[in-house]
Amino acid sequence: MRIAVLNGPNLNLLGTREPEIYGTTTLAEIEARLHEVSMGLNVELVFAQFNHEGDLIDTIHALGGRAPAPGVAPELRAKANGALVNAGAWTHTSLALRDALSGVALPYVEVHLSNIFAREPERRHSVLASGARGVVCGLGAVGYELALGGLVAQLRAAK
């Protein structure tokens, strides 16, 4: 089983960006921990972080096996069985991202470090949630691990 872990804008700044909201764990540390968890689950993970929305959409098309991927990193060109998606600010605004995920029928769990429903009004709505298998928010870095375990369990149960 192959799972993509896709992170949106500014998540490359984790560990230093607003640690009172997002914590002090870096994205590299989250990825390292997820790699350890994935070994116990016997799944392959691929990781990517995007500050440009179109690049993320092109990658989703490739991971869904539905479009050529000339501009997509080679490790992200092979079809994935599912994804963890922390779209950052695009969560609240990007119908294009939601359409890409549903257009290629890529099962995903939406992940957020902070509790988006306890934040500013503009962050309390997710355009991605209605298509997600689940949403994990407010649990910090461990939320990624919980999301991975949940997605893998759902995908295996569906086989």
C-alpha atoms as a PDB file:
ATOM      1  CA  MET A   1       0.000   0.000   0.000  1.00  0.00           C
ATOM      2  CA  ARG A   2       1.288   3.461  -0.936  1.00  0.00           C
ATOM      3  CA  ILE A   3       0.197   6.591   0.932  1.00  0.00           C
ATOM      4  CA  ALA A   4       1.124  10.168   0.029  1.00  0.00           C
ATOM      5  CA  VAL A   5       1.564  12.779   2.757  1.00  0.00           C
ATOM      6  CA  LEU A   6       0.799  16.142   1.165  1.00  0.00           C
ATOM      7  CA  ASN A   7       1.391  19.432   2.940  1.00  0.00           C
ATOM      8  CA  GLY A   8       0.392  22.874   1.765  1.00  0.00           C
ATOM      9  CA  PRO A   9       1.754  26.382   2.055  1.00  0.00           C
ATOM     10  CA  ASN A  10       3.992  27.500   4.885  1.00  0.00           C
ATOM     11  CA  LEU A  11       4.191  24.067   6.481  1.00  0.00           C
ATOM     12  CA  ASN A  12       7.882  24.040   5.578  1.00  0.00           C
ATOM     13  CA  LEU A  13       8.158  26.622   8.397  1.00  0.00           C
ATOM     14  CA  LEU A  14       6.888  24.259  11.097  1.00  0.00           C
ATOM     15  CA  GLY A  15       8.954  24.370  14.251  1.00  0.00           C
ATOM     16  CA  THR A  16       9.568  28.093  13.979  1.00  0.00           C
ATOM     17  CA  ARG A  17       6.294  29.507  12.627  1.00  0.00           C
ATOM     18  CA  GLU A  18       3.915  30.514  15.409  1.00  0.00           C
ATOM     19  CA  PRO A  19       4.956  27.716  17.775  1.00  0.00           C
ATOM     20  CA  GLU A  20       2.186  28.712  20.208  1.00  0.00           C
ATOM     21  CA  ILE A  21      -0.301  27.526  17.552  1.00  0.00           C
ATOM     22  CA  TYR A  22       1.570  24.871  15.560  1.00  0.00           C
ATOM     23  CA  GLY A  23       4.089  23.578  18.100  1.00  0.00           C
ATOM     24  CA  THR A  24       7.832  23.185  17.792  1.00  0.00           C
ATOM     25  CA  THR A  25       7.945  19.952  15.797  1.00  0.00           C
ATOM     26  CA  THR A  26       9.382  20.447  12.322  1.00  0.00           C
ATOM     27  CA  LEU A  27       7.940  18.950   9.155  1.00  0.00           C
ATOM     28  CA  ALA A  28      11.067  16.796   8.842  1.00  0.00           C
ATOM     29  CA  GLU A  29      10.447  15.433  12.351  1.00  0.00           C
ATOM     30  CA  ILE A  30       6.815  14.665  11.500  1.00  0.00           C
ATOM     31  CA  GLU A  31       7.956  12.842   8.364  1.00  0.00           C
ATOM     32  CA  ALA A  32      10.584  10.840  10.275  1.00  0.00           C
ATOM     33  CA  ARG A  33       8.034   9.754  12.861  1.00  0.00           C
ATOM     34  CA  LEU A  34       5.494   8.832  10.163  1.00  0.00           C
ATOM     35  CA  HIS A  35       8.161   6.756   8.440  1.00  0.00           C
ATOM     36  CA  GLU A  36       8.640   4.777  11.676  1.00  0.00           C
ATOM     37  CA  VAL A  37       4.875   4.285  12.038  1.00  0.00           C
ATOM     38  CA  SER A  38       4.558   3.231   8.391  1.00  0.00           C
ATOM     39  CA  MET A  39       7.054   0.421   8.865  1.00  0.00           C
ATOM     40  CA  GLY A  40       4.811  -1.088  11.532  1.00  0.00           C
ATOM     41  CA  LEU A  41       1.829  -0.747   9.212  1.00  0.00           C
ATOM     42  CA  ASN A  42       3.745  -2.188   6.248  1.00  0.00           C
ATOM     43  CA  VAL A  43       2.968   0.788   4.009  1.00  0.00           C
ATOM     44  CA  GLU A  44       5.141   2.934   1.753  1.00  0.00           C
ATOM     45  CA  LEU A  45       4.980   6.677   2.278  1.00  0.00           C
ATOM     46  CA  VAL A  46       5.901   9.508  -0.054  1.00  0.00           C
ATOM     47  CA  PHE A  47       6.114  13.072   1.237  1.00  0.00           C
ATOM     48  CA  ALA A  48       5.724  16.455  -0.414  1.00  0.00           C
ATOM     49  CA  GLN A  49       5.167  20.054   0.647  1.00  0.00           C
ATOM     50  CA  PHE A  50       3.903  22.766  -1.706  1.00  0.00           C
ATOM     51  CA  ASN A  51       3.797  26.538  -1.586  1.00  0.00           C
ATOM     52  CA  HIS A  52       2.222  26.693  -5.070  1.00  0.00           C
ATOM     53  CA  GLU A  53      -1.308  25.368  -5.436  1.00  0.00           C
ATOM     54  CA  GLY A  54      -0.969  24.264  -9.053  1.00  0.00           C
ATOM     55  CA  ASP A  55       2.008  22.065  -8.181  1.00  0.00           C
ATOM     56  CA  LEU A  56      -0.058  20.306  -5.527  1.00  0.00           C
ATOM     57  CA  ILE A  57      -2.946  19.812  -7.967  1.00  0.00           C
ATOM     58  CA  ASP A  58      -0.619  18.369 -10.643  1.00  0.00           C
ATOM     59  CA  THR A  59       0.768  15.976  -8.029  1.00  0.00           C
ATOM     60  CA  ILE A  60      -2.717  14.863  -6.968  1.00  0.00           C
ATOM     61  CA  HIS A  61      -3.549  14.116 -10.600  1.00  0.00           C
ATOM     62  CA  ALA A  62      -0.394  12.000 -10.878  1.00  0.00           C
ATOM     63  CA  LEU A  63      -1.006  10.199  -7.569  1.00  0.00           C
ATOM     64  CA  GLY A  64      -4.527   9.416  -8.737  1.00  0.00           C
ATOM     65  CA  GLY A  65      -3.092   7.861 -11.895  1.00  0.00           C
ATOM     66  CA  ARG A  66      -5.166  10.144 -14.086  1.00  0.00           C
ATOM     67  CA  ALA A  67      -2.754  12.555 -15.777  1.00  0.00           C
ATOM     68  CA  PRO A  68       0.753  12.740 -17.191  1.00  0.00           C
ATOM     69  CA  ALA A  69       3.130  14.251 -14.688  1.00  0.00           C
ATOM     70  CA  PRO A  70       6.082  15.892 -16.462  1.00  0.00           C
ATOM     71  CA  GLY A  71       6.557  18.574 -13.792  1.00  0.00           C
ATOM     72  CA  VAL A  72       5.956  16.257 -10.835  1.00  0.00           C
ATOM     73  CA  ALA A  73       8.838  14.790  -8.842  1.00  0.00           C
ATOM     74  CA  PRO A  74       9.533  11.190  -9.940  1.00  0.00           C
ATOM     75  CA  GLU A  75       8.753   9.699  -6.515  1.00  0.00           C
ATOM     76  CA  LEU A  76       5.260  11.230  -6.716  1.00  0.00           C
ATOM     77  CA  ARG A  77       4.365   9.959 -10.188  1.00  0.00           C
ATOM     78  CA  ALA A  78       3.278   6.463  -9.199  1.00  0.00           C
ATOM     79  CA  LYS A  79      -0.328   5.919  -8.178  1.00  0.00           C
ATOM     80  CA  ALA A  80      -1.116   6.098  -4.459  1.00  0.00           C
ATOM     81  CA  ASN A  81      -3.822   4.217  -2.581  1.00  0.00           C
ATOM     82  CA  GLY A  82      -4.602   7.230  -0.422  1.00  0.00           C
ATOM     83  CA  ALA A  83      -3.280  10.440   1.091  1.00  0.00           C
ATOM     84  CA  LEU A  84      -2.968  12.493   4.234  1.00  0.00           C
ATOM     85  CA  VAL A  85      -3.616  16.102   3.297  1.00  0.00           C
ATOM     86  CA  ASN A  86      -2.740  19.142   5.372  1.00  0.00           C
ATOM     87  CA  ALA A  87      -3.640  21.829   2.858  1.00  0.00           C
ATOM     88  CA  GLY A  88      -2.914  24.673   5.286  1.00  0.00           C
ATOM     89  CA  ALA A  89      -4.736  27.848   4.280  1.00  0.00           C
ATOM     90  CA  TRP A  90      -6.001  26.219   1.058  1.00  0.00           C
ATOM     91  CA  THR A  91      -8.272  24.130   3.285  1.00  0.00           C
ATOM     92  CA  HIS A  92     -10.556  27.104   3.642  1.00  0.00           C
ATOM     93  CA  THR A  93     -10.501  28.411   0.086  1.00  0.00           C
ATOM     94  CA  SER A  94      -9.513  25.939  -2.600  1.00  0.00           C
ATOM     95  CA  LEU A  95     -12.336  24.397  -4.535  1.00  0.00           C
ATOM     96  CA  ALA A  96      -9.712  23.528  -7.155  1.00  0.00           C
ATOM     97  CA  LEU A  97      -7.896  21.344  -4.639  1.00  0.00           C
ATOM     98  CA  ARG A  98     -11.155  19.693  -3.553  1.00  0.00           C
ATOM     99  CA  ASP A  99     -12.052  19.078  -7.202  1.00  0.00           C
ATOM    100  CA  ALA A 100      -8.639  17.525  -7.893  1.00  0.00           C
ATOM    101  CA  LEU A 101      -8.981  15.100  -4.978  1.00  0.00           C
ATOM    102  CA  SER A 102     -12.489  14.056  -5.952  1.00  0.00           C
ATOM    103  CA  GLY A 103     -11.675  14.067  -9.676  1.00  0.00           C
ATOM    104  CA  VAL A 104      -9.081  11.327  -9.275  1.00  0.00           C
ATOM    105  CA  ALA A 105     -10.992   9.575  -6.464  1.00  0.00           C
ATOM    106  CA  LEU A 106      -7.975   9.629  -4.143  1.00  0.00           C
ATOM    107  CA  PRO A 107      -9.133   8.626  -0.645  1.00  0.00           C
ATOM    108  CA  TYR A 108      -7.754  11.066   1.909  1.00  0.00           C
ATOM    109  CA  VAL A 109      -7.803  12.147   5.513  1.00  0.00           C
ATOM    110  CA  GLU A 110      -7.585  15.874   6.207  1.00  0.00           C
ATOM    111  CA  VAL A 111      -5.047  16.745   8.912  1.00  0.00           C
ATOM    112  CA  HIS A 112      -4.413  19.949  10.862  1.00  0.00           C
ATOM    113  CA  LEU A 113      -2.048  20.560  13.750  1.00  0.00           C
ATOM    114  CA  SER A 114      -4.332  23.158  15.326  1.00  0.00           C
ATOM    115  CA  ASN A 115      -8.045  22.910  15.976  1.00  0.00           C
ATOM    116  CA  ILE A 116      -9.318  24.891  12.995  1.00  0.00           C
ATOM    117  CA  PHE A 117     -12.804  25.014  14.521  1.00  0.00           C
ATOM    118  CA  ALA A 118     -11.505  26.948  17.556  1.00  0.00           C
ATOM    119  CA  ARG A 119      -9.603  29.510  15.489  1.00  0.00           C
ATOM    120  CA  GLU A 120     -10.501  32.662  13.570  1.00  0.00           C
ATOM    121  CA  PRO A 121     -13.886  32.579  11.800  1.00  0.00           C
ATOM    122  CA  GLU A 122     -12.291  32.344   8.340  1.00  0.00           C
ATOM    123  CA  ARG A 123     -10.494  29.146   9.395  1.00  0.00           C
ATOM    124  CA  ARG A 124     -13.543  27.357  10.783  1.00  0.00           C
ATOM    125  CA  HIS A 125     -14.742  25.995   7.455  1.00  0.00           C
ATOM    126  CA  SER A 126     -13.066  23.358   5.319  1.00  0.00           C
ATOM    127  CA  VAL A 127     -13.895  22.947   1.650  1.00  0.00           C
ATOM    128  CA  LEU A 128     -12.019  19.622   1.751  1.00  0.00           C
ATOM    129  CA  ALA A 129     -13.830  17.970   4.662  1.00  0.00           C
ATOM    130  CA  SER A 130     -16.913  16.863   2.732  1.00  0.00           C
ATOM    131  CA  GLY A 131     -14.794  14.620   0.503  1.00  0.00           C
ATOM    132  CA  ALA A 132     -12.464  13.323   3.218  1.00  0.00           C
ATOM    133  CA  ARG A 133     -12.617   9.899   4.843  1.00  0.00           C
ATOM    134  CA  GLY A 134     -12.005  11.756   8.095  1.00  0.00           C
ATOM    135  CA  VAL A 135     -10.626  14.926   9.642  1.00  0.00           C
ATOM    136  CA  VAL A 136      -8.025  14.996  12.414  1.00  0.00           C
ATOM    137  CA  CYS A 137      -7.351  18.409  13.902  1.00  0.00           C
ATOM    138  CA  GLY A 138      -6.075  19.972  17.075  1.00  0.00           C
ATOM    139  CA  LEU A 139      -3.842  17.102  18.196  1.00  0.00           C
ATOM    140  CA  GLY A 140      -0.541  18.512  16.994  1.00  0.00           C
ATOM    141  CA  ALA A 141       2.005  16.357  15.221  1.00  0.00           C
ATOM    142  CA  VAL A 142       0.539  13.112  16.570  1.00  0.00           C
ATOM    143  CA  GLY A 143      -2.563  13.853  14.482  1.00  0.00           C
ATOM    144  CA  TYR A 144      -0.641  12.735  11.393  1.00  0.00           C
ATOM    145  CA  GLU A 145       0.044   9.360  12.998  1.00  0.00           C
ATOM    146  CA  LEU A 146      -3.599   8.904  13.968  1.00  0.00           C
ATOM    147  CA  ALA A 147      -4.726   9.911  10.490  1.00  0.00           C
ATOM    148  CA  LEU A 148      -2.327   7.432   8.894  1.00  0.00           C
ATOM    149  CA  GLY A 149      -3.502   4.554  11.067  1.00  0.00           C
ATOM    150  CA  GLY A 150      -7.133   5.390  10.401  1.00  0.00           C
ATOM    151  CA  LEU A 151      -6.734   5.723   6.639  1.00  0.00           C
ATOM    152  CA  VAL A 152      -4.762   2.483   6.337  1.00  0.00           C
ATOM    153  CA  ALA A 153      -7.368   0.626   8.418  1.00  0.00           C
ATOM    154  CA  GLN A 154     -10.186   1.945   6.223  1.00  0.00           C
ATOM    155  CA  LEU A 155      -8.402   1.094   2.991  1.00  0.00           C
ATOM    156  CA  ARG A 156      -7.608  -2.427   4.172  1.00  0.00           C
ATOM    157  CA  ALA A 157     -11.171  -2.994   5.372  1.00  0.00           C
ATOM    158  CA  ALA A 158     -12.465  -1.955   1.934  1.00  0.00           C
ATOM    159  CA  LYS A 159     -10.419  -4.653   0.144  1.00  0.00           C
END
